[in-house]
Amino acid sequence: EIVQLKAEAKGLELVPWISSTVPRICVGDSGRLRQVLLNLLSNAIKFTHWGKVVLRCLSSSDTSRLLFEVEDTGIGLSEDTTQRLFQPFVQADATMARRFGGTGLGLVISRNLVQLMGGELT
């Protein structure tokens, strides 16, 4: 897949992990989910220079919802910066667009898609 190629090109390990409690068949909008996960993983790879990016998939205690987590060994963000990133056209700092590219809309769009599916992105 595209994110695997991006990770390999940077010498990063991409680690998918699916909990044994996740049902084998799930009902939902796979297209929207794919778009959100692609955005989150692409961001993680973009801002990670060494190490790995982990995608975890877990289920809620009653298995009615899925939880996805993306963890990386990247540059990190403060809590204040993290909250601002969900505002349109905002990046972590003014030099990010020049150094890494992007419009600052990816997380906003992803959050909106997740909310349309009845979830939350934090």
PDB file of N, CA and C in Angstrom:
ATOM      1  N   GLU A   1       0.850  -1.185   0.000  1.00  0.00           N
ATOM      2  CA  GLU A   1       0.000   0.000   0.000  1.00  0.00           C
ATOM      3  C   GLU A   1       0.893   1.244   0.000  1.00  0.00           C
ATOM      4  N   ILE A   2       0.294   2.387  -0.256  1.00  0.00           N
ATOM      5  CA  ILE A   2       1.036   3.642  -0.416  1.00  0.00           C
ATOM      6  C   ILE A   2       1.789   4.042   0.850  1.00  0.00           C
ATOM      7  N   VAL A   3       1.191   3.873   2.018  1.00  0.00           N
ATOM      8  CA  VAL A   3       1.884   4.277   3.252  1.00  0.00           C
ATOM      9  C   VAL A   3       3.062   3.358   3.542  1.00  0.00           C
ATOM     10  N   GLN A   4       2.961   2.096   3.178  1.00  0.00           N
ATOM     11  CA  GLN A   4       4.084   1.170   3.358  1.00  0.00           C
ATOM     12  C   GLN A   4       5.274   1.633   2.518  1.00  0.00           C
ATOM     13  N   LEU A   5       4.999   2.041   1.287  1.00  0.00           N
ATOM     14  CA  LEU A   5       6.070   2.519   0.410  1.00  0.00           C
ATOM     15  C   LEU A   5       6.709   3.796   0.950  1.00  0.00           C
ATOM     16  N   LYS A   6       5.881   4.713   1.463  1.00  0.00           N
ATOM     17  CA  LYS A   6       6.408   5.947   2.057  1.00  0.00           C
ATOM     18  C   LYS A   6       7.295   5.637   3.259  1.00  0.00           C
ATOM     19  N   ALA A   7       6.845   4.721   4.094  1.00  0.00           N
ATOM     20  CA  ALA A   7       7.616   4.351   5.279  1.00  0.00           C
ATOM     21  C   ALA A   7       8.944   3.719   4.882  1.00  0.00           C
ATOM     22  N   GLU A   8       8.897   2.790   3.950  1.00  0.00           N
ATOM     23  CA  GLU A   8      10.119   2.123   3.493  1.00  0.00           C
ATOM     24  C   GLU A   8      11.098   3.117   2.879  1.00  0.00           C
ATOM     25  N   ALA A   9      10.592   4.085   2.125  1.00  0.00           N
ATOM     26  CA  ALA A   9      11.455   5.083   1.489  1.00  0.00           C
ATOM     27  C   ALA A   9      12.214   5.911   2.520  1.00  0.00           C
ATOM     28  N   LYS A  10      11.635   6.062   3.714  1.00  0.00           N
ATOM     29  CA  LYS A  10      12.295   6.819   4.779  1.00  0.00           C
ATOM     30  C   LYS A  10      13.030   5.912   5.767  1.00  0.00           C
ATOM     31  N   GLY A  11      13.031   4.625   5.514  1.00  0.00           N
ATOM     32  CA  GLY A  11      13.706   3.693   6.413  1.00  0.00           C
ATOM     33  C   GLY A  11      12.946   3.464   7.707  1.00  0.00           C
ATOM     34  N   LEU A  12      11.630   3.679   7.681  1.00  0.00           N
ATOM     35  CA  LEU A  12      10.798   3.505   8.877  1.00  0.00           C
ATOM     36  C   LEU A  12      10.125   2.143   8.862  1.00  0.00           C
ATOM     37  N   GLU A  13       9.863   1.640  10.028  1.00  0.00           N
ATOM     38  CA  GLU A  13       9.091   0.409  10.157  1.00  0.00           C
ATOM     39  C   GLU A  13       7.619   0.792  10.334  1.00  0.00           C
ATOM     40  N   LEU A  14       6.742   0.215   9.534  1.00  0.00           N
ATOM     41  CA  LEU A  14       5.298   0.418   9.668  1.00  0.00           C
ATOM     42  C   LEU A  14       4.736  -0.848  10.304  1.00  0.00           C
ATOM     43  N   VAL A  15       4.156  -0.687  11.501  1.00  0.00           N
ATOM     44  CA  VAL A  15       3.723  -1.840  12.284  1.00  0.00           C
ATOM     45  C   VAL A  15       2.204  -1.830  12.446  1.00  0.00           C
ATOM     46  N   PRO A  16       1.498  -2.711  11.723  1.00  0.00           N
ATOM     47  CA  PRO A  16       0.055  -2.844  11.966  1.00  0.00           C
ATOM     48  C   PRO A  16      -0.175  -3.836  13.101  1.00  0.00           C
ATOM     49  N   TRP A  17      -1.109  -3.530  13.987  1.00  0.00           N
ATOM     50  CA  TRP A  17      -1.428  -4.428  15.097  1.00  0.00           C
ATOM     51  C   TRP A  17      -2.939  -4.440  15.280  1.00  0.00           C
ATOM     52  N   ILE A  18      -3.529  -5.621  15.204  1.00  0.00           N
ATOM     53  CA  ILE A  18      -4.978  -5.768  15.360  1.00  0.00           C
ATOM     54  C   ILE A  18      -5.233  -6.665  16.565  1.00  0.00           C
ATOM     55  N   SER A  19      -6.011  -6.161  17.505  1.00  0.00           N
ATOM     56  CA  SER A  19      -6.354  -6.921  18.703  1.00  0.00           C
ATOM     57  C   SER A  19      -7.157  -8.165  18.325  1.00  0.00           C
ATOM     58  N   SER A  20      -6.973  -9.210  19.086  1.00  0.00           N
ATOM     59  CA  SER A  20      -7.732 -10.440  18.847  1.00  0.00           C
ATOM     60  C   SER A  20      -9.219 -10.271  19.156  1.00  0.00           C
ATOM     61  N   THR A  21      -9.582  -9.176  19.832  1.00  0.00           N
ATOM     62  CA  THR A  21     -10.999  -8.935  20.154  1.00  0.00           C
ATOM     63  C   THR A  21     -11.761  -8.226  19.038  1.00  0.00           C
ATOM     64  N   VAL A  22     -11.053  -7.788  17.991  1.00  0.00           N
ATOM     65  CA  VAL A  22     -11.710  -7.110  16.865  1.00  0.00           C
ATOM     66  C   VAL A  22     -12.461  -8.161  16.048  1.00  0.00           C
ATOM     67  N   PRO A  23     -13.755  -7.925  15.812  1.00  0.00           N
ATOM     68  CA  PRO A  23     -14.531  -8.883  15.012  1.00  0.00           C
ATOM     69  C   PRO A  23     -13.946  -9.048  13.615  1.00  0.00           C
ATOM     70  N   ARG A  24     -14.100 -10.227  13.051  1.00  0.00           N
ATOM     71  CA  ARG A  24     -13.573 -10.491  11.705  1.00  0.00           C
ATOM     72  C   ARG A  24     -14.337  -9.701  10.644  1.00  0.00           C
ATOM     73  N   ILE A  25     -15.612  -9.439  10.878  1.00  0.00           N
ATOM     74  CA  ILE A  25     -16.426  -8.678   9.941  1.00  0.00           C
ATOM     75  C   ILE A  25     -17.000  -7.468  10.674  1.00  0.00           C
ATOM     76  N   CYS A  26     -16.817  -6.290  10.085  1.00  0.00           N
ATOM     77  CA  CYS A  26     -17.327  -5.046  10.663  1.00  0.00           C
ATOM     78  C   CYS A  26     -18.158  -4.330   9.607  1.00  0.00           C
ATOM     79  N   VAL A  27     -19.166  -3.610  10.057  1.00  0.00           N
ATOM     80  CA  VAL A  27     -20.015  -2.831   9.158  1.00  0.00           C
ATOM     81  C   VAL A  27     -19.677  -1.358   9.363  1.00  0.00           C
ATOM     82  N   GLY A  28     -19.440  -0.652   8.264  1.00  0.00           N
ATOM     83  CA  GLY A  28     -19.115   0.762   8.353  1.00  0.00           C
ATOM     84  C   GLY A  28     -18.734   1.294   6.991  1.00  0.00           C
ATOM     85  N   ASP A  29     -18.320   2.537   6.942  1.00  0.00           N
ATOM     86  CA  ASP A  29     -17.941   3.193   5.695  1.00  0.00           C
ATOM     87  C   ASP A  29     -16.444   2.999   5.468  1.00  0.00           C
ATOM     88  N   SER A  30     -16.105   1.959   4.744  1.00  0.00           N
ATOM     89  CA  SER A  30     -14.692   1.617   4.545  1.00  0.00           C
ATOM     90  C   SER A  30     -13.939   2.698   3.767  1.00  0.00           C
ATOM     91  N   GLY A  31     -14.613   3.393   2.864  1.00  0.00           N
ATOM     92  CA  GLY A  31     -13.958   4.453   2.095  1.00  0.00           C
ATOM     93  C   GLY A  31     -13.535   5.621   2.970  1.00  0.00           C
ATOM     94  N   ARG A  32     -14.450   6.051   3.837  1.00  0.00           N
ATOM     95  CA  ARG A  32     -14.119   7.149   4.752  1.00  0.00           C
ATOM     96  C   ARG A  32     -13.043   6.718   5.743  1.00  0.00           C
ATOM     97  N   LEU A  33     -13.181   5.513   6.268  1.00  0.00           N
ATOM     98  CA  LEU A  33     -12.186   5.015   7.217  1.00  0.00           C
ATOM     99  C   LEU A  33     -10.809   4.946   6.563  1.00  0.00           C
ATOM    100  N   ARG A  34     -10.758   4.461   5.347  1.00  0.00           N
ATOM    101  CA  ARG A  34      -9.488   4.376   4.609  1.00  0.00           C
ATOM    102  C   ARG A  34      -8.880   5.771   4.444  1.00  0.00           C
ATOM    103  N   GLN A  35      -9.703   6.767   4.106  1.00  0.00           N
ATOM    104  CA  GLN A  35      -9.217   8.135   3.918  1.00  0.00           C
ATOM    105  C   GLN A  35      -8.636   8.689   5.219  1.00  0.00           C
ATOM    106  N   VAL A  36      -9.325   8.470   6.332  1.00  0.00           N
ATOM    107  CA  VAL A  36      -8.852   8.966   7.634  1.00  0.00           C
ATOM    108  C   VAL A  36      -7.542   8.284   8.019  1.00  0.00           C
ATOM    109  N   LEU A  37      -7.497   6.962   7.911  1.00  0.00           N
ATOM    110  CA  LEU A  37      -6.275   6.241   8.293  1.00  0.00           C
ATOM    111  C   LEU A  37      -5.105   6.610   7.386  1.00  0.00           C
ATOM    112  N   LEU A  38      -5.368   6.794   6.106  1.00  0.00           N
ATOM    113  CA  LEU A  38      -4.311   7.217   5.189  1.00  0.00           C
ATOM    114  C   LEU A  38      -3.756   8.568   5.598  1.00  0.00           C
ATOM    115  N   ASN A  39      -4.638   9.500   5.971  1.00  0.00           N
ATOM    116  CA  ASN A  39      -4.183  10.823   6.391  1.00  0.00           C
ATOM    117  C   ASN A  39      -3.365  10.745   7.673  1.00  0.00           C
ATOM    118  N   LEU A  40      -3.867  10.012   8.668  1.00  0.00           N
ATOM    119  CA  LEU A  40      -3.152   9.915   9.946  1.00  0.00           C
ATOM    120  C   LEU A  40      -1.798   9.234   9.785  1.00  0.00           C
ATOM    121  N   LEU A  41      -1.766   8.156   9.017  1.00  0.00           N
ATOM    122  CA  LEU A  41      -0.496   7.451   8.808  1.00  0.00           C
ATOM    123  C   LEU A  41       0.475   8.283   7.970  1.00  0.00           C
ATOM    124  N   SER A  42      -0.041   8.980   6.968  1.00  0.00           N
ATOM    125  CA  SER A  42       0.831   9.837   6.145  1.00  0.00           C
ATOM    126  C   SER A  42       1.454  10.946   6.983  1.00  0.00           C
ATOM    127  N   ASN A  43       0.653  11.553   7.869  1.00  0.00           N
ATOM    128  CA  ASN A  43       1.202  12.573   8.773  1.00  0.00           C
ATOM    129  C   ASN A  43       2.270  11.983   9.677  1.00  0.00           C
ATOM    130  N   ALA A  44       1.991  10.826  10.239  1.00  0.00           N
ATOM    131  CA  ALA A  44       2.961  10.196  11.136  1.00  0.00           C
ATOM    132  C   ALA A  44       4.274   9.925  10.402  1.00  0.00           C
ATOM    133  N   ILE A  45       4.186   9.424   9.199  1.00  0.00           N
ATOM    134  CA  ILE A  45       5.392   9.137   8.418  1.00  0.00           C
ATOM    135  C   ILE A  45       6.103  10.433   8.039  1.00  0.00           C
ATOM    136  N   LYS A  46       5.354  11.443   7.653  1.00  0.00           N
ATOM    137  CA  LYS A  46       5.944  12.724   7.245  1.00  0.00           C
ATOM    138  C   LYS A  46       6.787  13.339   8.359  1.00  0.00           C
ATOM    139  N   PHE A  47       6.320  13.248   9.594  1.00  0.00           N
ATOM    140  CA  PHE A  47       6.989  13.914  10.712  1.00  0.00           C
ATOM    141  C   PHE A  47       7.859  12.973  11.548  1.00  0.00           C
ATOM    142  N   THR A  48       8.118  11.775  11.027  1.00  0.00           N
ATOM    143  CA  THR A  48       8.979  10.819  11.715  1.00  0.00           C
ATOM    144  C   THR A  48      10.233  10.612  10.870  1.00  0.00           C
ATOM    145  N   HIS A  49      11.389  10.813  11.469  1.00  0.00           N
ATOM    146  CA  HIS A  49      12.649  10.708  10.730  1.00  0.00           C
ATOM    147  C   HIS A  49      13.376   9.390  10.982  1.00  0.00           C
ATOM    148  N   TRP A  50      13.043   8.715  12.058  1.00  0.00           N
ATOM    149  CA  TRP A  50      13.661   7.430  12.379  1.00  0.00           C
ATOM    150  C   TRP A  50      12.684   6.627  13.236  1.00  0.00           C
ATOM    151  N   GLY A  51      12.887   5.322  13.260  1.00  0.00           N
ATOM    152  CA  GLY A  51      12.079   4.486  14.142  1.00  0.00           C
ATOM    153  C   GLY A  51      10.901   3.854  13.436  1.00  0.00           C
ATOM    154  N   LYS A  52       9.715   4.054  14.025  1.00  0.00           N
ATOM    155  CA  LYS A  52       8.560   3.324  13.509  1.00  0.00           C
ATOM    156  C   LYS A  52       7.272   4.118  13.657  1.00  0.00           C
ATOM    157  N   VAL A  53       6.276   3.646  12.908  1.00  0.00           N
ATOM    158  CA  VAL A  53       4.909   4.137  12.992  1.00  0.00           C
ATOM    159  C   VAL A  53       4.040   2.900  13.240  1.00  0.00           C
ATOM    160  N   VAL A  54       3.235   2.965  14.295  1.00  0.00           N
ATOM    161  CA  VAL A  54       2.397   1.825  14.676  1.00  0.00           C
ATOM    162  C   VAL A  54       0.929   2.202  14.473  1.00  0.00           C
ATOM    163  N   LEU A  55       0.184   1.323  13.826  1.00  0.00           N
ATOM    164  CA  LEU A  55      -1.271   1.457  13.709  1.00  0.00           C
ATOM    165  C   LEU A  55      -1.895   0.326  14.506  1.00  0.00           C
ATOM    166  N   ARG A  56      -2.627   0.694  15.547  1.00  0.00           N
ATOM    167  CA  ARG A  56      -3.323  -0.299  16.372  1.00  0.00           C
ATOM    168  C   ARG A  56      -4.816  -0.229  16.102  1.00  0.00           C
ATOM    169  N   CYS A  57      -5.449  -1.391  16.084  1.00  0.00           N
ATOM    170  CA  CYS A  57      -6.901  -1.478  15.966  1.00  0.00           C
ATOM    171  C   CYS A  57      -7.406  -2.315  17.133  1.00  0.00           C
ATOM    172  N   LEU A  58      -8.286  -1.716  17.929  1.00  0.00           N
ATOM    173  CA  LEU A  58      -8.866  -2.377  19.099  1.00  0.00           C
ATOM    174  C   LEU A  58     -10.378  -2.286  19.001  1.00  0.00           C
ATOM    175  N   SER A  59     -11.070  -3.087  19.779  1.00  0.00           N
ATOM    176  CA  SER A  59     -12.526  -2.966  19.814  1.00  0.00           C
ATOM    177  C   SER A  59     -12.949  -2.523  21.204  1.00  0.00           C
ATOM    178  N   SER A  60     -14.131  -1.889  21.259  1.00  0.00           N
ATOM    179  CA  SER A  60     -14.682  -1.487  22.551  1.00  0.00           C
ATOM    180  C   SER A  60     -15.061  -2.751  23.323  1.00  0.00           C
ATOM    181  N   SER A  61     -15.335  -2.596  24.609  1.00  0.00           N
ATOM    182  CA  SER A  61     -15.630  -3.757  25.448  1.00  0.00           C
ATOM    183  C   SER A  61     -16.825  -4.557  24.941  1.00  0.00           C
ATOM    184  N   ASP A  62     -17.795  -3.879  24.323  1.00  0.00           N
ATOM    185  CA  ASP A  62     -18.953  -4.602  23.785  1.00  0.00           C
ATOM    186  C   ASP A  62     -18.794  -4.891  22.286  1.00  0.00           C
ATOM    187  N   THR A  63     -17.626  -4.639  21.737  1.00  0.00           N
ATOM    188  CA  THR A  63     -17.246  -4.843  20.325  1.00  0.00           C
ATOM    189  C   THR A  63     -18.143  -4.107  19.334  1.00  0.00           C
ATOM    190  N   SER A  64     -18.868  -3.082  19.782  1.00  0.00           N
ATOM    191  CA  SER A  64     -19.719  -2.333  18.854  1.00  0.00           C
ATOM    192  C   SER A  64     -18.960  -1.208  18.145  1.00  0.00           C
ATOM    193  N   ARG A  65     -17.786  -0.854  18.639  1.00  0.00           N
ATOM    194  CA  ARG A  65     -16.986   0.225  18.044  1.00  0.00           C
ATOM    195  C   ARG A  65     -15.536  -0.210  17.921  1.00  0.00           C
ATOM    196  N   LEU A  66     -14.872   0.379  16.947  1.00  0.00           N
ATOM    197  CA  LEU A  66     -13.441   0.145  16.780  1.00  0.00           C
ATOM    198  C   LEU A  66     -12.684   1.381  17.235  1.00  0.00           C
ATOM    199  N   LEU A  67     -11.506   1.166  17.763  1.00  0.00           N
ATOM    200  CA  LEU A  67     -10.617   2.245  18.167  1.00  0.00           C
ATOM    201  C   LEU A  67      -9.319   2.067  17.392  1.00  0.00           C
ATOM    202  N   PHE A  68      -8.910   3.130  16.716  1.00  0.00           N
ATOM    203  CA  PHE A  68      -7.643   3.124  15.993  1.00  0.00           C
ATOM    204  C   PHE A  68      -6.702   4.092  16.675  1.00  0.00           C
ATOM    205  N   GLU A  69      -5.464   3.668  16.836  1.00  0.00           N
ATOM    206  CA  GLU A  69      -4.423   4.508  17.420  1.00  0.00           C
ATOM    207  C   GLU A  69      -3.232   4.531  16.479  1.00  0.00           C
ATOM    208  N   VAL A  70      -2.671   5.708  16.278  1.00  0.00           N
ATOM    209  CA  VAL A  70      -1.441   5.842  15.504  1.00  0.00           C
ATOM    210  C   VAL A  70      -0.385   6.383  16.455  1.00  0.00           C
ATOM    211  N   GLU A  71       0.709   5.667  16.552  1.00  0.00           N
ATOM    212  CA  GLU A  71       1.821   6.063  17.421  1.00  0.00           C
ATOM    213  C   GLU A  71       3.085   6.110  16.575  1.00  0.00           C
ATOM    214  N   ASP A  72       3.912   7.118  16.813  1.00  0.00           N
ATOM    215  CA  ASP A  72       5.158   7.207  16.061  1.00  0.00           C
ATOM    216  C   ASP A  72       6.292   7.690  16.946  1.00  0.00           C
ATOM    217  N   THR A  73       7.479   7.628  16.410  1.00  0.00           N
ATOM    218  CA  THR A  73       8.673   8.111  17.106  1.00  0.00           C
ATOM    219  C   THR A  73       9.099   9.458  16.521  1.00  0.00           C
ATOM    220  N   GLY A  74       8.118  10.233  16.076  1.00  0.00           N
ATOM    221  CA  GLY A  74       8.366  11.508  15.396  1.00  0.00           C
ATOM    222  C   GLY A  74       8.684  12.649  16.339  1.00  0.00           C
ATOM    223  N   ILE A  75       8.525  13.872  15.821  1.00  0.00           N
ATOM    224  CA  ILE A  75       8.983  15.069  16.509  1.00  0.00           C
ATOM    225  C   ILE A  75       8.155  15.439  17.730  1.00  0.00           C
ATOM    226  N   GLY A  76       6.953  14.908  17.832  1.00  0.00           N
ATOM    227  CA  GLY A  76       6.118  15.165  19.013  1.00  0.00           C
ATOM    228  C   GLY A  76       5.440  16.519  18.962  1.00  0.00           C
ATOM    229  N   LEU A  77       4.380  16.649  19.769  1.00  0.00           N
ATOM    230  CA  LEU A  77       3.601  17.879  19.837  1.00  0.00           C
ATOM    231  C   LEU A  77       3.167  18.131  21.271  1.00  0.00           C
ATOM    232  N   SER A  78       3.090  19.406  21.624  1.00  0.00           N
ATOM    233  CA  SER A  78       2.548  19.752  22.934  1.00  0.00           C
ATOM    234  C   SER A  78       1.028  19.597  22.885  1.00  0.00           C
ATOM    235  N   GLU A  79       0.393  19.539  24.047  1.00  0.00           N
ATOM    236  CA  GLU A  79      -1.073  19.432  24.124  1.00  0.00           C
ATOM    237  C   GLU A  79      -1.731  20.635  23.457  1.00  0.00           C
ATOM    238  N   ASP A  80      -1.189  21.839  23.673  1.00  0.00           N
ATOM    239  CA  ASP A  80      -1.732  23.053  23.069  1.00  0.00           C
ATOM    240  C   ASP A  80      -1.669  22.981  21.547  1.00  0.00           C
ATOM    241  N   THR A  81      -0.531  22.553  21.029  1.00  0.00           N
ATOM    242  CA  THR A  81      -0.367  22.437  19.579  1.00  0.00           C
ATOM    243  C   THR A  81      -1.326  21.398  19.014  1.00  0.00           C
ATOM    244  N   THR A  82      -1.480  20.289  19.708  1.00  0.00           N
ATOM    245  CA  THR A  82      -2.376  19.228  19.256  1.00  0.00           C
ATOM    246  C   THR A  82      -3.798  19.748  19.089  1.00  0.00           C
ATOM    247  N   GLN A  83      -4.282  20.541  20.034  1.00  0.00           N
ATOM    248  CA  GLN A  83      -5.638  21.089  19.942  1.00  0.00           C
ATOM    249  C   GLN A  83      -5.771  22.058  18.769  1.00  0.00           C
ATOM    250  N   ARG A  84      -4.755  22.852  18.506  1.00  0.00           N
ATOM    251  CA  ARG A  84      -4.808  23.811  17.399  1.00  0.00           C
ATOM    252  C   ARG A  84      -4.798  23.131  16.037  1.00  0.00           C
ATOM    253  N   LEU A  85      -4.227  21.951  15.952  1.00  0.00           N
ATOM    254  CA  LEU A  85      -4.124  21.262  14.667  1.00  0.00           C
ATOM    255  C   LEU A  85      -5.471  20.883  14.076  1.00  0.00           C
ATOM    256  N   PHE A  86      -6.512  20.889  14.880  1.00  0.00           N
ATOM    257  CA  PHE A  86      -7.842  20.546  14.384  1.00  0.00           C
ATOM    258  C   PHE A  86      -8.602  21.782  13.893  1.00  0.00           C
ATOM    259  N   GLN A  87      -7.914  22.902  13.765  1.00  0.00           N
ATOM    260  CA  GLN A  87      -8.498  24.115  13.199  1.00  0.00           C
ATOM    261  C   GLN A  87      -8.019  24.226  11.744  1.00  0.00           C
ATOM    262  N   PRO A  88      -8.898  24.671  10.829  1.00  0.00           N
ATOM    263  CA  PRO A  88      -8.507  24.751   9.417  1.00  0.00           C
ATOM    264  C   PRO A  88      -7.279  25.621   9.185  1.00  0.00           C
ATOM    265  N   PHE A  89      -6.406  25.153   8.307  1.00  0.00           N
ATOM    266  CA  PHE A  89      -5.207  25.862   7.839  1.00  0.00           C
ATOM    267  C   PHE A  89      -4.174  26.105   8.931  1.00  0.00           C
ATOM    268  N   VAL A  90      -4.241  25.377  10.022  1.00  0.00           N
ATOM    269  CA  VAL A  90      -3.272  25.535  11.109  1.00  0.00           C
ATOM    270  C   VAL A  90      -2.279  24.384  11.048  1.00  0.00           C
ATOM    271  N   GLN A  91      -1.001  24.731  11.223  1.00  0.00           N
ATOM    272  CA  GLN A  91       0.042  23.726  11.342  1.00  0.00           C
ATOM    273  C   GLN A  91       0.781  23.976  12.649  1.00  0.00           C
ATOM    274  N   ALA A  92       1.628  23.040  13.032  1.00  0.00           N
ATOM    275  CA  ALA A  92       2.281  23.116  14.336  1.00  0.00           C
ATOM    276  C   ALA A  92       3.045  24.418  14.530  1.00  0.00           C
ATOM    277  N   ASP A  93       3.722  24.888  13.506  1.00  0.00           N
ATOM    278  CA  ASP A  93       4.352  26.210  13.556  1.00  0.00           C
ATOM    279  C   ASP A  93       4.489  26.728  12.135  1.00  0.00           C
ATOM    280  N   ALA A  94       4.858  27.971  12.002  1.00  0.00           N
ATOM    281  CA  ALA A  94       4.859  28.629  10.689  1.00  0.00           C
ATOM    282  C   ALA A  94       5.808  27.988   9.691  1.00  0.00           C
ATOM    283  N   THR A  95       6.835  27.328  10.152  1.00  0.00           N
ATOM    284  CA  THR A  95       7.808  26.746   9.223  1.00  0.00           C
ATOM    285  C   THR A  95       7.399  25.370   8.725  1.00  0.00           C
ATOM    286  N   MET A  96       6.371  24.766   9.295  1.00  0.00           N
ATOM    287  CA  MET A  96       5.973  23.410   8.917  1.00  0.00           C
ATOM    288  C   MET A  96       5.562  23.309   7.451  1.00  0.00           C
ATOM    289  N   ALA A  97       4.775  24.252   6.972  1.00  0.00           N
ATOM    290  CA  ALA A  97       4.323  24.196   5.577  1.00  0.00           C
ATOM    291  C   ALA A  97       5.503  24.243   4.621  1.00  0.00           C
ATOM    292  N   ARG A  98       6.479  25.084   4.944  1.00  0.00           N
ATOM    293  CA  ARG A  98       7.662  25.180   4.071  1.00  0.00           C
ATOM    294  C   ARG A  98       8.508  23.916   4.146  1.00  0.00           C
ATOM    295  N   ARG A  99       8.681  23.378   5.344  1.00  0.00           N
ATOM    296  CA  ARG A  99       9.560  22.215   5.520  1.00  0.00           C
ATOM    297  C   ARG A  99       8.914  20.912   5.084  1.00  0.00           C
ATOM    298  N   PHE A 100       7.629  20.747   5.364  1.00  0.00           N
ATOM    299  CA  PHE A 100       7.001  19.452   5.149  1.00  0.00           C
ATOM    300  C   PHE A 100       5.867  19.475   4.127  1.00  0.00           C
ATOM    301  N   GLY A 101       5.411  20.642   3.713  1.00  0.00           N
ATOM    302  CA  GLY A 101       4.290  20.725   2.781  1.00  0.00           C
ATOM    303  C   GLY A 101       2.965  20.518   3.495  1.00  0.00           C
ATOM    304  N   GLY A 102       1.902  20.639   2.756  1.00  0.00           N
ATOM    305  CA  GLY A 102       0.575  20.440   3.312  1.00  0.00           C
ATOM    306  C   GLY A 102      -0.163  21.749   3.496  1.00  0.00           C
ATOM    307  N   THR A 103      -1.490  21.636   3.626  1.00  0.00           N
ATOM    308  CA  THR A 103      -2.337  22.811   3.735  1.00  0.00           C
ATOM    309  C   THR A 103      -2.842  23.055   5.143  1.00  0.00           C
ATOM    310  N   GLY A 104      -2.753  22.044   6.006  1.00  0.00           N
ATOM    311  CA  GLY A 104      -3.320  22.178   7.335  1.00  0.00           C
ATOM    312  C   GLY A 104      -4.791  21.810   7.379  1.00  0.00           C
ATOM    313  N   LEU A 105      -5.271  21.111   6.360  1.00  0.00           N
ATOM    314  CA  LEU A 105      -6.678  20.706   6.322  1.00  0.00           C
ATOM    315  C   LEU A 105      -6.898  19.218   6.590  1.00  0.00           C
ATOM    316  N   GLY A 106      -5.873  18.423   6.490  1.00  0.00           N
ATOM    317  CA  GLY A 106      -6.022  16.968   6.596  1.00  0.00           C
ATOM    318  C   GLY A 106      -6.676  16.501   7.880  1.00  0.00           C
ATOM    319  N   LEU A 107      -6.227  17.019   9.013  1.00  0.00           N
ATOM    320  CA  LEU A 107      -6.805  16.594  10.291  1.00  0.00           C
ATOM    321  C   LEU A 107      -8.220  17.114  10.472  1.00  0.00           C
ATOM    322  N   VAL A 108      -8.497  18.304   9.961  1.00  0.00           N
ATOM    323  CA  VAL A 108      -9.846  18.865  10.048  1.00  0.00           C
ATOM    324  C   VAL A 108     -10.815  17.992   9.251  1.00  0.00           C
ATOM    325  N   ILE A 109     -10.431  17.655   8.031  1.00  0.00           N
ATOM    326  CA  ILE A 109     -11.271  16.805   7.195  1.00  0.00           C
ATOM    327  C   ILE A 109     -11.438  15.433   7.845  1.00  0.00           C
ATOM    328  N   SER A 110     -10.352  14.885   8.352  1.00  0.00           N
ATOM    329  CA  SER A 110     -10.420  13.569   9.006  1.00  0.00           C
ATOM    330  C   SER A 110     -11.344  13.592  10.214  1.00  0.00           C
ATOM    331  N   ARG A 111     -11.230  14.622  11.023  1.00  0.00           N
ATOM    332  CA  ARG A 111     -12.102  14.728  12.198  1.00  0.00           C
ATOM    333  C   ARG A 111     -13.570  14.810  11.772  1.00  0.00           C
ATOM    334  N   ASN A 112     -13.859  15.593  10.738  1.00  0.00           N
ATOM    335  CA  ASN A 112     -15.234  15.709  10.250  1.00  0.00           C
ATOM    336  C   ASN A 112     -15.760  14.369   9.741  1.00  0.00           C
ATOM    337  N   LEU A 113     -14.937  13.636   9.005  1.00  0.00           N
ATOM    338  CA  LEU A 113     -15.355  12.319   8.512  1.00  0.00           C
ATOM    339  C   LEU A 113     -15.643  11.367   9.673  1.00  0.00           C
ATOM    340  N   VAL A 114     -14.780  11.366  10.659  1.00  0.00           N
ATOM    341  CA  VAL A 114     -14.974  10.489  11.816  1.00  0.00           C
ATOM    342  C   VAL A 114     -16.265  10.864  12.550  1.00  0.00           C
ATOM    343  N   GLN A 115     -16.513  12.147  12.700  1.00  0.00           N
ATOM    344  CA  GLN A 115     -17.748  12.586  13.364  1.00  0.00           C
ATOM    345  C   GLN A 115     -18.982  12.174  12.565  1.00  0.00           C
ATOM    346  N   LEU A 116     -18.903  12.240  11.232  1.00  0.00           N
ATOM    347  CA  LEU A 116     -20.030  11.801  10.405  1.00  0.00           C
ATOM    348  C   LEU A 116     -20.324  10.311  10.606  1.00  0.00           C
ATOM    349  N   MET A 117     -19.290   9.553  10.961  1.00  0.00           N
ATOM    350  CA  MET A 117     -19.470   8.113  11.214  1.00  0.00           C
ATOM    351  C   MET A 117     -19.838   7.839  12.672  1.00  0.00           C
ATOM    352  N   GLY A 118     -20.038   8.905  13.468  1.00  0.00           N
ATOM    353  CA  GLY A 118     -20.444   8.729  14.855  1.00  0.00           C
ATOM    354  C   GLY A 118     -19.302   8.527  15.834  1.00  0.00           C
ATOM    355  N   GLY A 119     -18.079   8.855  15.413  1.00  0.00           N
ATOM    356  CA  GLY A 119     -16.924   8.675  16.279  1.00  0.00           C
ATOM    357  C   GLY A 119     -16.289   9.992  16.651  1.00  0.00           C
ATOM    358  N   GLU A 120     -15.082   9.912  17.192  1.00  0.00           N
ATOM    359  CA  GLU A 120     -14.336  11.120  17.543  1.00  0.00           C
ATOM    360  C   GLU A 120     -12.866  10.908  17.224  1.00  0.00           C
ATOM    361  N   LEU A 121     -12.205  11.984  16.866  1.00  0.00           N
ATOM    362  CA  LEU A 121     -10.781  11.972  16.571  1.00  0.00           C
ATOM    363  C   LEU A 121     -10.118  12.949  17.507  1.00  0.00           C
ATOM    364  N   THR A 122      -9.210  12.446  18.333  1.00  0.00           N
ATOM    365  CA  THR A 122      -8.533  13.298  19.312  1.00  0.00           C
ATOM    366  C   THR A 122      -7.031  13.166  19.174  1.00  0.00           C
TER     367      THR A 122
END
